[in-house]
Every structure is written in C-alpha cells, then in structure tokens.
N, C-alpha and C. Protein backbone atom coordinates (compact mmCIF):
# COMPACT_ATOMS: atom_id res chain seq x y z
N MET A 1 -133.19 -5.94 74.28
CA MET A 1 -134.06 -5.95 75.35
C MET A 1 -133.61 -5.78 76.70
N LYS A 2 -132.61 -6.75 76.77
CA LYS A 2 -131.93 -6.95 77.95
C LYS A 2 -131.19 -5.91 78.50
N THR A 3 -130.45 -5.22 77.36
CA THR A 3 -129.28 -4.15 77.31
C THR A 3 -130.21 -2.86 77.92
N ILE A 4 -131.41 -2.74 77.56
CA ILE A 4 -132.09 -1.50 77.83
C ILE A 4 -132.69 -1.78 79.20
N LYS A 5 -132.93 -2.92 79.50
CA LYS A 5 -133.36 -2.83 81.09
C LYS A 5 -132.37 -3.00 82.00
N VAL A 6 -130.94 -3.27 81.74
CA VAL A 6 -129.61 -3.10 82.49
C VAL A 6 -129.69 -1.56 82.72
N ARG A 7 -129.50 -1.11 80.74
CA ARG A 7 -129.28 0.73 81.50
C ARG A 7 -130.36 1.13 82.29
N GLU A 8 -131.26 1.00 82.48
CA GLU A 8 -132.98 1.82 83.01
C GLU A 8 -132.08 1.13 84.54
N GLN A 9 -131.51 0.22 84.96
CA GLN A 9 -131.62 -0.02 86.52
C GLN A 9 -130.25 0.56 86.76
N ILE A 10 -129.26 0.75 85.74
CA ILE A 10 -128.22 1.25 85.94
C ILE A 10 -128.34 2.92 86.52
N LEU A 11 -129.62 3.63 85.51
CA LEU A 11 -129.14 5.15 85.67
C LEU A 11 -130.09 5.41 86.82
N LYS A 12 -130.98 4.63 87.09
CA LYS A 12 -132.03 4.34 88.38
C LYS A 12 -131.24 4.27 89.90
N ALA A 13 -130.38 3.64 89.73
CA ALA A 13 -129.34 3.34 90.78
C ALA A 13 -129.02 4.52 91.25
N ASN A 14 -127.98 5.24 90.14
CA ASN A 14 -127.13 6.52 90.01
C ASN A 14 -128.49 7.75 90.69
N ASP A 15 -129.42 8.04 90.26
CA ASP A 15 -130.52 8.75 90.33
C ASP A 15 -130.51 8.92 91.91
N ARG A 16 -130.83 7.31 92.32
CA ARG A 16 -131.17 7.35 94.04
C ARG A 16 -129.68 8.03 94.64
N ALA A 17 -128.43 7.61 94.07
CA ALA A 17 -127.12 8.30 94.78
C ALA A 17 -127.01 9.82 94.41
N ALA A 18 -127.65 10.23 93.32
CA ALA A 18 -127.59 11.62 93.18
C ALA A 18 -128.37 12.39 93.87
N ALA A 19 -129.64 11.73 94.41
CA ALA A 19 -130.94 12.58 95.32
C ALA A 19 -129.74 12.57 96.84
N GLU A 20 -129.42 11.61 97.20
CA GLU A 20 -128.23 11.41 98.58
C GLU A 20 -127.33 12.51 98.26
N ASN A 21 -126.74 12.66 97.11
CA ASN A 21 -125.66 13.74 96.92
C ASN A 21 -126.23 14.91 97.00
N ARG A 22 -127.52 15.36 96.71
CA ARG A 22 -127.84 16.46 96.50
C ARG A 22 -128.65 17.10 98.07
N ALA A 23 -129.17 15.89 98.88
CA ALA A 23 -129.42 16.20 99.86
C ALA A 23 -128.44 16.64 100.82
N ALA A 24 -126.81 16.02 100.67
CA ALA A 24 -125.91 16.58 101.46
C ALA A 24 -125.31 17.75 100.80
N PHE A 25 -125.08 18.03 99.80
CA PHE A 25 -124.94 19.39 99.49
C PHE A 25 -125.99 20.48 99.59
N ALA A 26 -126.99 19.86 99.97
CA ALA A 26 -128.14 21.12 100.57
C ALA A 26 -127.81 21.43 101.71
N ARG A 27 -127.73 20.49 102.74
CA ARG A 27 -127.43 20.60 104.07
C ARG A 27 -126.46 21.20 104.56
N GLU A 28 -125.28 21.25 103.74
CA GLU A 28 -123.91 21.93 103.87
C GLU A 28 -123.79 23.23 103.27
N ARG A 29 -125.03 23.45 102.43
CA ARG A 29 -125.32 24.95 101.57
C ARG A 29 -124.26 25.06 100.55
N ILE A 30 -123.85 23.79 100.03
CA ILE A 30 -122.94 23.98 99.00
C ILE A 30 -123.26 24.10 97.56
N ALA A 31 -122.97 25.16 96.55
CA ALA A 31 -123.14 24.77 95.49
C ALA A 31 -122.29 24.15 94.12
N VAL A 32 -122.96 23.11 93.83
CA VAL A 32 -121.94 22.17 93.10
C VAL A 32 -121.84 21.99 91.49
N VAL A 33 -120.74 22.52 91.00
CA VAL A 33 -120.98 22.62 89.49
C VAL A 33 -120.26 21.33 88.75
N ASN A 34 -121.06 21.05 87.99
CA ASN A 34 -120.34 19.57 87.17
C ASN A 34 -119.89 20.33 85.75
N LEU A 35 -118.56 20.06 85.58
CA LEU A 35 -118.08 20.93 84.73
C LEU A 35 -117.97 19.55 83.55
N ILE A 36 -118.87 19.85 82.34
CA ILE A 36 -118.34 18.79 81.67
C ILE A 36 -117.82 19.69 80.02
N GLY A 37 -116.94 18.64 79.52
CA GLY A 37 -116.14 18.78 78.14
C GLY A 37 -115.42 18.14 77.57
N SER A 38 -115.12 18.19 75.81
CA SER A 38 -114.12 17.48 75.44
C SER A 38 -112.90 17.49 76.26
N PRO A 39 -112.46 16.48 76.02
CA PRO A 39 -110.60 16.39 76.46
C PRO A 39 -110.15 17.60 75.37
N GLY A 40 -108.95 18.51 76.38
CA GLY A 40 -108.49 19.56 75.69
C GLY A 40 -109.44 20.51 75.52
N SER A 41 -110.76 20.62 75.93
CA SER A 41 -111.37 22.13 76.15
C SER A 41 -111.35 22.97 77.10
N GLY A 42 -110.17 22.50 77.94
CA GLY A 42 -109.80 23.39 78.81
C GLY A 42 -110.51 23.60 80.16
N LYS A 43 -110.81 22.26 80.37
CA LYS A 43 -111.83 22.64 81.77
C LYS A 43 -110.89 22.99 83.28
N THR A 44 -109.37 22.11 83.01
CA THR A 44 -108.53 22.60 84.19
C THR A 44 -108.01 23.80 84.14
N ALA A 45 -108.08 24.14 82.64
CA ALA A 45 -107.31 25.39 82.78
C ALA A 45 -108.19 26.47 83.37
N ILE A 46 -109.21 26.06 82.88
CA ILE A 46 -110.74 27.10 83.53
C ILE A 46 -110.62 27.19 85.07
N LEU A 47 -110.35 26.24 85.59
CA LEU A 47 -110.37 25.77 87.34
C LEU A 47 -108.46 26.63 87.98
N GLU A 48 -107.76 26.57 86.88
CA GLU A 48 -106.57 27.10 87.82
C GLU A 48 -107.00 28.58 87.53
N ARG A 49 -107.41 29.09 86.56
CA ARG A 49 -107.59 30.36 86.66
C ARG A 49 -108.68 30.98 87.59
N LEU A 50 -109.65 30.07 87.79
CA LEU A 50 -110.63 30.46 88.72
C LEU A 50 -110.13 30.81 90.05
N ALA A 51 -108.49 30.00 90.23
CA ALA A 51 -107.85 29.80 91.54
C ALA A 51 -107.48 30.95 92.09
N ALA A 52 -107.20 31.67 90.88
CA ALA A 52 -106.53 33.48 90.83
C ALA A 52 -107.74 34.10 91.44
N HIS A 53 -108.95 34.12 91.01
CA HIS A 53 -110.01 35.13 92.15
C HIS A 53 -110.62 34.87 93.86
N ARG A 54 -109.42 35.51 94.34
CA ARG A 54 -109.58 35.09 95.94
C ARG A 54 -111.04 35.04 96.10
N GLU A 55 -112.01 36.15 95.49
CA GLU A 55 -113.47 35.84 96.07
C GLU A 55 -114.09 34.64 95.82
N LEU A 56 -113.61 33.76 94.89
CA LEU A 56 -114.17 32.37 94.92
C LEU A 56 -113.45 31.37 96.05
N ALA A 57 -114.52 30.85 96.74
CA ALA A 57 -113.57 29.84 97.52
C ALA A 57 -114.00 28.55 97.43
N PHE A 58 -113.29 27.57 96.34
CA PHE A 58 -113.82 26.72 96.12
C PHE A 58 -112.84 25.01 96.30
N ALA A 59 -113.49 24.01 96.28
CA ALA A 59 -112.77 22.79 96.09
C ALA A 59 -113.33 22.10 95.13
N VAL A 60 -112.22 21.35 94.18
CA VAL A 60 -112.46 20.49 92.94
C VAL A 60 -112.07 18.63 93.34
N LEU A 61 -113.34 18.01 92.90
CA LEU A 61 -113.05 16.58 92.56
C LEU A 61 -113.08 16.32 90.70
N GLU A 62 -111.54 15.57 90.89
CA GLU A 62 -111.30 15.74 89.86
C GLU A 62 -111.43 14.33 88.92
N GLY A 63 -112.20 14.17 87.71
CA GLY A 63 -112.59 13.03 87.07
C GLY A 63 -111.59 12.67 85.96
N ASP A 64 -110.86 11.58 85.82
CA ASP A 64 -110.09 10.74 84.66
C ASP A 64 -110.26 9.87 84.61
N PRO A 65 -109.83 9.27 83.66
CA PRO A 65 -110.01 7.86 83.10
C PRO A 65 -108.47 7.14 83.69
N GLU A 66 -107.72 8.00 83.57
CA GLU A 66 -106.39 7.40 84.62
C GLU A 66 -105.46 8.56 84.67
N THR A 67 -104.38 8.29 85.49
CA THR A 67 -103.44 9.43 86.07
C THR A 67 -104.06 10.32 87.10
N SER A 68 -103.46 11.44 87.71
CA SER A 68 -103.67 12.38 88.49
C SER A 68 -103.09 13.25 88.01
N LEU A 69 -102.70 13.77 86.92
CA LEU A 69 -102.04 14.35 86.44
C LEU A 69 -102.82 16.23 86.49
N ASP A 70 -103.97 16.48 86.72
CA ASP A 70 -105.17 17.39 86.25
C ASP A 70 -104.96 17.61 87.85
N ALA A 71 -105.40 16.74 88.58
CA ALA A 71 -105.26 16.93 89.68
C ALA A 71 -104.32 17.36 90.57
N GLN A 72 -102.95 17.24 90.17
CA GLN A 72 -101.84 17.80 90.64
C GLN A 72 -101.63 19.26 89.95
N ARG A 73 -102.03 19.60 89.22
CA ARG A 73 -102.39 20.86 88.68
C ARG A 73 -103.38 21.77 89.18
N ILE A 74 -104.22 21.44 89.69
CA ILE A 74 -105.40 22.13 90.42
C ILE A 74 -104.56 22.20 92.07
N GLU A 75 -103.87 21.05 92.58
CA GLU A 75 -103.11 21.31 93.62
C GLU A 75 -102.56 22.20 94.05
N ARG A 76 -101.49 22.43 92.84
CA ARG A 76 -100.48 23.52 92.58
C ARG A 76 -101.31 24.77 92.70
N ALA A 77 -102.19 25.23 92.11
CA ALA A 77 -103.04 26.07 92.19
C ALA A 77 -103.58 26.78 93.43
N GLY A 78 -103.42 25.98 94.56
CA GLY A 78 -103.44 26.24 95.77
C GLY A 78 -105.02 25.67 96.08
N VAL A 79 -105.60 24.74 95.28
CA VAL A 79 -107.48 24.34 95.56
C VAL A 79 -107.33 22.97 96.00
N PRO A 80 -108.17 22.65 97.09
CA PRO A 80 -108.20 21.65 97.77
C PRO A 80 -108.97 20.56 96.47
N VAL A 81 -108.38 19.05 96.26
CA VAL A 81 -108.28 18.62 95.08
C VAL A 81 -108.80 17.20 95.53
N VAL A 82 -109.33 16.40 95.18
CA VAL A 82 -109.46 14.97 95.05
C VAL A 82 -109.82 14.07 93.83
N GLN A 83 -108.30 13.36 93.33
CA GLN A 83 -109.07 12.70 91.89
C GLN A 83 -109.62 11.38 92.04
N ILE A 84 -110.77 11.63 91.17
CA ILE A 84 -111.38 10.13 90.84
C ILE A 84 -110.50 9.63 89.69
N VAL A 85 -109.82 8.03 89.89
CA VAL A 85 -109.57 7.45 88.37
C VAL A 85 -110.80 6.63 88.20
N THR A 86 -111.30 6.70 87.06
CA THR A 86 -112.53 6.01 86.40
C THR A 86 -112.08 4.68 86.05
N GLN A 87 -110.20 4.49 85.68
CA GLN A 87 -110.07 3.06 84.94
C GLN A 87 -110.77 2.84 83.97
N GLY A 88 -110.85 4.15 83.01
CA GLY A 88 -111.09 3.75 81.63
C GLY A 88 -112.73 4.34 81.64
N THR A 89 -113.60 4.35 82.36
CA THR A 89 -115.17 4.42 82.42
C THR A 89 -115.05 6.09 82.07
N CYS A 90 -116.11 6.52 81.15
CA CYS A 90 -115.99 7.35 80.22
C CYS A 90 -116.84 8.75 81.02
N HIS A 91 -117.22 8.39 82.54
CA HIS A 91 -118.02 9.19 83.02
C HIS A 91 -117.97 8.77 84.50
N LEU A 92 -118.03 10.38 85.23
CA LEU A 92 -118.31 10.03 86.67
C LEU A 92 -119.64 9.43 87.11
N ASP A 93 -119.87 8.70 88.09
CA ASP A 93 -121.54 8.55 88.29
C ASP A 93 -121.58 9.06 89.75
N ALA A 94 -122.69 9.18 90.61
CA ALA A 94 -123.03 9.57 91.14
C ALA A 94 -122.41 8.86 92.18
N ALA A 95 -122.18 7.27 92.61
CA ALA A 95 -121.53 6.53 93.66
C ALA A 95 -119.79 7.24 93.85
N MET A 96 -119.54 7.40 92.73
CA MET A 96 -117.88 7.69 92.84
C MET A 96 -117.92 9.14 93.23
N VAL A 97 -118.80 10.41 92.98
CA VAL A 97 -118.70 11.38 93.73
C VAL A 97 -119.04 11.12 95.44
N HIS A 98 -119.93 10.64 95.84
CA HIS A 98 -120.03 10.39 96.98
C HIS A 98 -118.98 9.44 97.68
N ARG A 99 -118.42 8.78 97.44
CA ARG A 99 -117.04 8.27 98.02
C ARG A 99 -115.80 9.11 97.92
N ALA A 100 -115.86 9.77 97.17
CA ALA A 100 -114.61 10.72 96.89
C ALA A 100 -114.65 12.01 98.09
N LEU A 101 -116.17 12.06 98.25
CA LEU A 101 -116.34 13.30 99.01
C LEU A 101 -115.62 13.22 100.49
N GLN A 102 -115.77 11.94 100.71
CA GLN A 102 -115.40 11.46 102.00
C GLN A 102 -114.29 12.06 102.47
N GLU A 103 -113.05 11.99 101.63
CA GLU A 103 -111.56 12.39 101.53
C GLU A 103 -111.65 13.65 101.06
N LEU A 104 -112.65 14.66 100.84
CA LEU A 104 -112.36 16.01 100.53
C LEU A 104 -113.08 17.36 101.36
N PRO A 105 -111.91 17.75 102.11
CA PRO A 105 -112.00 18.88 103.04
C PRO A 105 -113.02 19.93 102.33
N LEU A 106 -114.43 20.25 103.00
CA LEU A 106 -115.03 21.19 102.25
C LEU A 106 -115.65 22.25 103.47
N GLU A 107 -114.91 22.22 104.32
CA GLU A 107 -114.93 23.38 105.48
C GLU A 107 -114.85 25.23 104.80
N GLY A 108 -115.72 25.77 104.92
CA GLY A 108 -115.18 27.04 104.23
C GLY A 108 -115.47 27.16 102.65
N LYS A 109 -115.78 26.25 102.01
CA LYS A 109 -115.95 26.13 100.82
C LYS A 109 -117.52 26.36 100.28
N PRO A 110 -118.00 27.44 100.03
CA PRO A 110 -119.20 27.20 99.13
C PRO A 110 -119.74 26.86 97.96
N LEU A 111 -118.44 26.42 97.22
CA LEU A 111 -118.36 26.21 96.05
C LEU A 111 -117.30 24.48 95.68
N LEU A 112 -118.21 23.98 95.03
CA LEU A 112 -117.47 22.80 94.44
C LEU A 112 -117.92 22.46 92.93
N PHE A 113 -116.50 21.87 92.28
CA PHE A 113 -116.54 22.04 91.11
C PHE A 113 -116.48 20.19 91.05
N ILE A 114 -116.90 19.48 90.04
CA ILE A 114 -116.80 18.43 89.67
C ILE A 114 -116.27 18.31 87.86
N GLU A 115 -114.91 18.50 87.97
CA GLU A 115 -114.15 18.13 86.33
C GLU A 115 -115.08 16.86 86.38
N ASN A 116 -115.93 16.67 84.83
CA ASN A 116 -115.92 15.39 84.54
C ASN A 116 -114.79 15.01 83.64
N VAL A 117 -115.02 13.62 83.51
CA VAL A 117 -113.94 12.85 82.39
C VAL A 117 -114.62 13.57 81.14
N GLY A 118 -113.15 14.12 80.04
CA GLY A 118 -113.90 14.46 79.16
C GLY A 118 -114.31 13.71 78.02
N ASN A 119 -115.57 14.26 77.79
CA ASN A 119 -116.30 13.44 76.80
C ASN A 119 -117.65 14.50 76.73
N LEU A 120 -118.31 14.45 75.95
CA LEU A 120 -119.73 15.23 75.21
C LEU A 120 -120.62 14.45 75.38
N VAL A 121 -120.60 13.16 75.46
CA VAL A 121 -121.58 12.01 75.44
C VAL A 121 -122.24 11.54 76.57
N CYS A 122 -121.27 10.58 77.32
CA CYS A 122 -122.01 9.76 78.39
C CYS A 122 -122.05 10.62 79.56
N PRO A 123 -121.07 11.66 79.92
CA PRO A 123 -121.69 12.42 81.31
C PRO A 123 -122.89 12.79 81.08
N GLY A 124 -123.32 13.34 79.92
CA GLY A 124 -124.83 13.84 80.24
C GLY A 124 -125.92 13.23 80.80
N SER A 125 -125.66 11.79 80.94
CA SER A 125 -126.70 11.00 80.78
C SER A 125 -126.71 10.73 82.78
N PHE A 126 -125.77 10.71 83.37
CA PHE A 126 -125.49 10.85 84.78
C PHE A 126 -125.68 12.35 85.47
N ASP A 127 -126.96 12.30 86.34
CA ASP A 127 -126.91 13.11 87.33
C ASP A 127 -125.95 12.69 88.75
N LEU A 128 -125.28 14.05 88.86
CA LEU A 128 -124.41 13.42 90.53
C LEU A 128 -124.92 14.23 91.30
N GLY A 129 -125.57 14.74 91.21
CA GLY A 129 -126.27 15.72 92.57
C GLY A 129 -126.06 17.23 92.66
N GLU A 130 -125.35 17.53 91.29
CA GLU A 130 -124.84 19.01 91.24
C GLU A 130 -125.85 20.12 91.47
N THR A 131 -125.99 21.11 91.51
CA THR A 131 -126.71 22.55 91.22
C THR A 131 -126.98 22.74 90.06
N ALA A 132 -125.68 23.07 89.30
CA ALA A 132 -125.82 23.00 87.86
C ALA A 132 -124.67 22.22 86.83
N ARG A 133 -124.80 22.21 85.58
CA ARG A 133 -124.12 21.35 84.86
C ARG A 133 -123.78 22.99 83.83
N VAL A 134 -122.03 22.84 83.71
CA VAL A 134 -121.50 24.15 82.98
C VAL A 134 -120.90 22.89 82.17
N VAL A 135 -120.92 23.32 80.56
CA VAL A 135 -120.49 22.58 79.77
C VAL A 135 -119.91 23.67 78.76
N VAL A 136 -118.09 22.88 78.71
CA VAL A 136 -117.32 23.95 77.97
C VAL A 136 -116.75 23.34 76.78
N PHE A 137 -117.02 24.11 75.78
CA PHE A 137 -116.50 23.47 74.65
C PHE A 137 -115.33 24.70 73.85
N SER A 138 -114.31 24.58 72.87
CA SER A 138 -113.45 25.37 72.79
C SER A 138 -113.30 25.97 71.16
N ALA A 139 -112.65 27.25 70.92
CA ALA A 139 -112.87 27.73 69.44
C ALA A 139 -112.20 26.60 68.77
N PRO A 140 -110.80 25.81 68.52
CA PRO A 140 -110.90 24.74 68.28
C PRO A 140 -111.53 23.36 67.84
N GLU A 141 -112.19 23.53 68.45
CA GLU A 141 -113.47 22.33 68.40
C GLU A 141 -114.14 22.86 67.14
N GLY A 142 -114.47 23.59 66.68
CA GLY A 142 -115.52 24.19 66.13
C GLY A 142 -116.80 24.46 66.34
N GLU A 143 -117.44 26.03 65.44
CA GLU A 143 -118.72 26.26 66.05
C GLU A 143 -119.82 25.53 65.91
N ASP A 144 -119.61 24.15 65.21
CA ASP A 144 -120.77 23.51 64.92
C ASP A 144 -121.26 22.22 66.40
N LYS A 145 -120.14 22.29 67.60
CA LYS A 145 -120.28 21.51 68.49
C LYS A 145 -121.71 21.64 69.26
N PRO A 146 -122.51 22.68 69.61
CA PRO A 146 -123.80 22.40 70.15
C PRO A 146 -124.55 21.71 69.37
N LEU A 147 -124.58 21.71 67.72
CA LEU A 147 -125.29 20.82 66.86
C LEU A 147 -125.06 19.44 66.85
N LYS A 148 -123.61 19.65 66.96
CA LYS A 148 -123.49 18.03 66.91
C LYS A 148 -123.96 17.14 68.16
N TYR A 149 -123.83 17.99 69.26
CA TYR A 149 -123.84 17.00 71.02
C TYR A 149 -124.98 17.95 71.59
N PRO A 150 -126.33 17.88 70.74
CA PRO A 150 -127.42 18.83 71.38
C PRO A 150 -127.87 17.92 72.89
N GLY A 151 -127.36 16.91 73.41
CA GLY A 151 -128.00 16.63 74.06
C GLY A 151 -127.64 17.02 75.69
N VAL A 152 -126.21 17.39 75.83
CA VAL A 152 -125.52 17.47 76.73
C VAL A 152 -125.81 19.35 76.69
N PHE A 153 -125.88 19.96 75.86
CA PHE A 153 -125.92 21.25 75.92
C PHE A 153 -127.34 21.80 76.60
N THR A 154 -128.22 20.79 76.23
CA THR A 154 -129.32 21.13 76.55
C THR A 154 -129.47 20.82 78.12
N THR A 155 -128.71 20.25 78.95
CA THR A 155 -128.32 20.29 80.12
C THR A 155 -128.06 21.63 80.71
N ALA A 156 -127.11 22.11 80.26
CA ALA A 156 -126.49 23.12 80.76
C ALA A 156 -127.06 24.45 81.42
N ARG A 157 -126.65 24.78 82.49
CA ARG A 157 -126.77 26.30 82.93
C ARG A 157 -126.43 27.19 82.56
N ALA A 158 -125.19 26.93 81.82
CA ALA A 158 -124.33 28.15 81.32
C ALA A 158 -123.18 27.23 80.37
N VAL A 159 -122.82 27.74 79.43
CA VAL A 159 -121.93 27.74 78.64
C VAL A 159 -120.52 28.33 78.49
N VAL A 160 -119.29 27.56 78.48
CA VAL A 160 -118.25 28.50 78.70
C VAL A 160 -117.63 28.06 76.99
N LEU A 161 -117.45 29.07 76.24
CA LEU A 161 -116.46 28.95 74.90
C LEU A 161 -115.32 29.52 75.29
N ASN A 162 -114.14 28.37 75.45
CA ASN A 162 -113.15 28.63 76.02
C ASN A 162 -112.05 29.37 74.72
N LYS A 163 -110.81 29.33 74.69
CA LYS A 163 -109.90 30.07 73.75
C LYS A 163 -109.98 30.98 72.80
N ILE A 164 -110.65 31.83 73.24
CA ILE A 164 -111.12 33.18 72.19
C ILE A 164 -109.78 33.86 71.77
N ASP A 165 -108.63 33.69 72.61
CA ASP A 165 -107.66 34.24 71.73
C ASP A 165 -107.15 33.95 70.65
N LEU A 166 -107.41 32.26 70.31
CA LEU A 166 -107.12 32.14 69.11
C LEU A 166 -108.07 32.11 68.10
N LEU A 167 -109.09 33.00 67.88
CA LEU A 167 -109.93 33.32 67.22
C LEU A 167 -109.24 33.92 66.05
N PRO A 168 -108.38 34.87 66.15
CA PRO A 168 -107.55 35.52 64.72
C PRO A 168 -107.02 33.93 63.91
N HIS A 169 -106.74 33.01 64.44
CA HIS A 169 -105.96 32.38 63.73
C HIS A 169 -107.15 31.03 63.31
N LEU A 170 -107.54 30.83 63.49
CA LEU A 170 -108.79 29.79 63.22
C LEU A 170 -110.20 30.17 62.47
N PRO A 171 -110.10 29.44 61.39
CA PRO A 171 -111.73 29.59 60.97
C PRO A 171 -112.83 29.33 61.72
N PHE A 172 -113.02 30.35 62.48
CA PHE A 172 -114.55 30.00 63.66
C PHE A 172 -115.03 31.31 63.82
N SER A 173 -116.17 31.15 63.80
CA SER A 173 -117.11 32.67 63.85
C SER A 173 -117.71 32.64 64.86
N LEU A 174 -117.22 33.76 66.43
CA LEU A 174 -117.78 33.48 67.42
C LEU A 174 -119.18 33.64 67.47
N ASP A 175 -119.70 34.56 66.63
CA ASP A 175 -121.14 34.74 65.85
C ASP A 175 -122.17 33.80 65.60
N ARG A 176 -121.40 32.85 64.77
CA ARG A 176 -122.32 31.69 64.62
C ARG A 176 -122.08 30.82 65.64
N ALA A 177 -120.98 30.54 66.09
CA ALA A 177 -121.22 29.50 67.62
C ALA A 177 -122.19 30.01 68.50
N VAL A 178 -122.42 31.25 68.74
CA VAL A 178 -123.71 31.53 69.76
C VAL A 178 -124.56 31.74 68.94
N GLU A 179 -125.06 31.42 67.67
CA GLU A 179 -126.50 31.18 67.19
C GLU A 179 -126.61 30.21 66.82
N ASN A 180 -125.64 28.89 66.87
CA ASN A 180 -125.66 27.40 66.93
C ASN A 180 -126.65 27.53 68.84
N LEU A 181 -125.59 27.42 69.61
CA LEU A 181 -126.09 27.73 71.08
C LEU A 181 -127.41 28.25 71.01
N ALA A 182 -128.08 29.42 70.52
CA ALA A 182 -129.20 29.55 70.78
C ALA A 182 -130.10 29.09 70.43
N GLN A 183 -129.81 28.16 69.12
CA GLN A 183 -130.90 27.05 68.70
C GLN A 183 -131.03 25.85 69.39
N ILE A 184 -130.08 25.73 70.52
CA ILE A 184 -130.34 24.47 71.28
C ILE A 184 -130.66 24.55 72.65
N VAL A 185 -130.17 26.33 73.21
CA VAL A 185 -130.37 26.72 74.49
C VAL A 185 -130.56 27.98 74.51
N PRO A 186 -131.59 28.52 74.09
CA PRO A 186 -131.84 30.03 73.44
C PRO A 186 -131.73 30.77 74.87
N ARG A 187 -132.10 30.52 75.93
CA ARG A 187 -131.56 30.86 77.11
C ARG A 187 -130.71 30.99 78.27
N THR A 188 -129.95 30.05 78.06
CA THR A 188 -128.58 29.80 78.32
C THR A 188 -127.80 30.91 78.60
N PRO A 189 -127.01 31.57 79.62
CA PRO A 189 -126.10 32.29 79.37
C PRO A 189 -124.81 31.77 78.80
N VAL A 190 -123.86 32.93 78.04
CA VAL A 190 -122.76 32.05 77.39
C VAL A 190 -121.93 32.96 77.77
N PHE A 191 -120.54 32.36 77.94
CA PHE A 191 -119.42 33.03 78.57
C PHE A 191 -117.93 32.96 77.88
N PRO A 192 -117.93 33.67 76.69
CA PRO A 192 -116.44 33.49 76.00
C PRO A 192 -115.52 34.05 76.73
N LEU A 193 -114.51 32.93 76.95
CA LEU A 193 -113.16 33.54 77.34
C LEU A 193 -111.83 32.85 76.97
N SER A 194 -110.96 33.31 77.68
CA SER A 194 -109.44 33.11 77.31
C SER A 194 -108.89 32.71 78.91
N CYS A 195 -108.39 31.32 79.03
CA CYS A 195 -107.67 30.76 79.95
C CYS A 195 -106.27 31.63 79.67
N ALA A 196 -106.18 31.66 78.60
CA ALA A 196 -104.44 32.17 78.36
C ALA A 196 -104.30 33.67 78.71
N THR A 197 -105.38 34.40 78.67
CA THR A 197 -105.29 36.13 78.64
C THR A 197 -106.08 36.08 80.27
N GLY A 198 -107.11 35.70 80.39
CA GLY A 198 -107.58 36.00 81.18
C GLY A 198 -109.07 36.59 80.71
N ALA A 199 -109.04 37.00 79.80
CA ALA A 199 -110.30 37.84 78.88
C ALA A 199 -111.80 36.90 78.95
N GLY A 200 -112.64 37.63 79.56
CA GLY A 200 -114.44 37.19 79.84
C GLY A 200 -114.39 36.40 81.05
N PHE A 201 -113.35 36.51 81.97
CA PHE A 201 -113.71 35.56 83.33
C PHE A 201 -114.69 36.08 84.26
N ASP A 202 -114.22 37.56 84.40
CA ASP A 202 -115.23 38.47 85.36
C ASP A 202 -116.47 38.14 85.60
N GLY A 203 -116.97 37.88 84.02
CA GLY A 203 -118.43 37.58 83.74
C GLY A 203 -118.85 36.33 84.43
N PHE A 204 -118.18 35.31 84.19
CA PHE A 204 -118.07 34.17 84.62
C PHE A 204 -118.12 33.75 86.19
N VAL A 205 -117.20 34.39 86.63
CA VAL A 205 -116.54 34.80 88.19
C VAL A 205 -117.90 35.07 88.69
N GLU A 206 -118.57 36.27 88.12
CA GLU A 206 -119.89 37.02 88.65
C GLU A 206 -120.88 35.95 88.81
N TRP A 207 -121.36 35.32 87.70
CA TRP A 207 -122.45 34.19 87.56
C TRP A 207 -121.93 33.05 88.70
N LEU A 208 -120.77 32.70 88.85
CA LEU A 208 -120.74 31.70 90.00
C LEU A 208 -121.02 32.21 91.56
N LEU A 209 -120.69 33.53 91.64
CA LEU A 209 -120.72 33.96 92.99
C LEU A 209 -122.44 33.92 93.11
N GLU A 210 -123.16 34.43 92.08
CA GLU A 210 -124.85 34.38 92.36
C GLU A 210 -125.15 32.79 92.33
N LEU A 211 -124.38 31.86 91.76
CA LEU A 211 -125.22 30.61 91.85
C LEU A 211 -125.13 30.09 93.58
N SER A 212 -123.43 30.50 93.74
CA SER A 212 -123.49 30.08 95.15
C SER A 212 -123.99 30.59 95.99
N ALA A 213 -124.46 31.88 96.36
CA ALA A 213 -125.22 33.14 97.03
C ALA A 213 -126.78 32.25 97.22
N ARG A 214 -126.76 32.25 96.03
CA ARG A 214 -128.36 31.77 96.36
C ARG A 214 -128.44 30.30 96.86
N VAL A 215 -127.42 29.55 96.72
CA VAL A 215 -127.56 28.26 97.58
C VAL A 215 -127.37 28.18 98.89
N VAL A 216 -126.63 29.26 99.32
CA VAL A 216 -125.95 29.64 100.56
C VAL A 216 -127.26 30.19 101.43
N SER A 217 -128.08 31.31 100.77
CA SER A 217 -129.16 31.88 101.30
C SER A 217 -130.82 31.01 101.65
N ILE A 218 -130.69 29.49 100.94
CA ILE A 218 -131.29 28.81 101.16
C ILE A 218 -131.88 28.63 102.39
C-alpha cells in the first residue's frame, strides 16, 4: 500500500510539472513530440534523417541513462541539442525536461523533439507536457510489439515502423504489424519508413509540419 501511495505522489508531482511545461510551450507556440521506443528501434537515426529535411526547424532534448553519444550524433547533424543523463532511470520526467529547457536555444524552432530513454514501459506513465507522443518500433523487434506493449501504443498520436529496408531479410509481415496496431490504435496514423534509404519519410515530415502548424496558429 505504501508503494502505491508513493507512486501516486510521484505521478501527481510529475503532472504538475508537465502542466507548467505545457503552458510554457503554448506561450512560445512550440509543438513538442515525445519520441518513445525500445533501445535500437532507431529513434536517433530518425532525428538524423529529419535534420536533412530543411523545411523542418527543430531542436532536441536527448534522454539516455548514461553518456552523451546520441546527443553528439544529433549535434553533428546540425541540430541544437541538450543531453539529459538520467543516471540509470528508465524514463524522463517533466522536471528533468524543465531543467534541460533552460539550456536549449529554441528561438526560431517551432518544433521540439524529446527523445525519451529507450523503453516501452516506463516512459508511457510520465507526461512531459508534450503536444504529441510518437511511438517507434522496428521490423527486427517483431510484428507483435503493439500487442505486447499496448499501454504505450494507446497513448500515441502517431506510430513509426522503422527499418522496412530489412523486410526482405526478416520473418516479418508489414500487413500483420499494421493489423496488430489497428487492434490497439485503430485511428492512429502509421508511418513505415527506413532511415537507411529515406523511404517513407515524406509522409512523416508532412504530419510533423501539420502538427507544428496547428500549434503555431493557436
């Protein structure tokens, strides 16, 4: 019973911080995408690919348990980035995001990505004040990922199915993966794409531009 009460207190405190973040993002008219996915699903590679689409102007908060290796990759792609090292914690929380925002230049950046810690469980419980959650999974992880982790997928505004270039080499059915997603999130857009070839990115970029435009126009 004590564990439940502690968890409730943690989530309530996080929700308060998330509300403050959301209000700050609204004032600045910034669309915020909380990017959630397993380790190795390709979250950082997606951001690197998006950096080549000059019609997108964005910054990144990069979450990892240790090291700044992914942030270095984003920086090399020419994108403003701040690393959040959670020191073993399996998710970002709203307070971490708030502190990191003080160090991130957002002028002229109507879009902010928060790349969450690689995990399909813990990040789903923590609101960061984002405009939308995008969940990433990849073909090597298996087409049953949405059925195994429905909780996080039900919170997604969009789903990215990465590494479709590997489909000829894997026992993976794209149709079955999309059917599994439809069982969990029947009206959520799905973007099959490949960071290796760039296939499928145009549709995802268009969705991001529409998301950003809606926030800017408010």
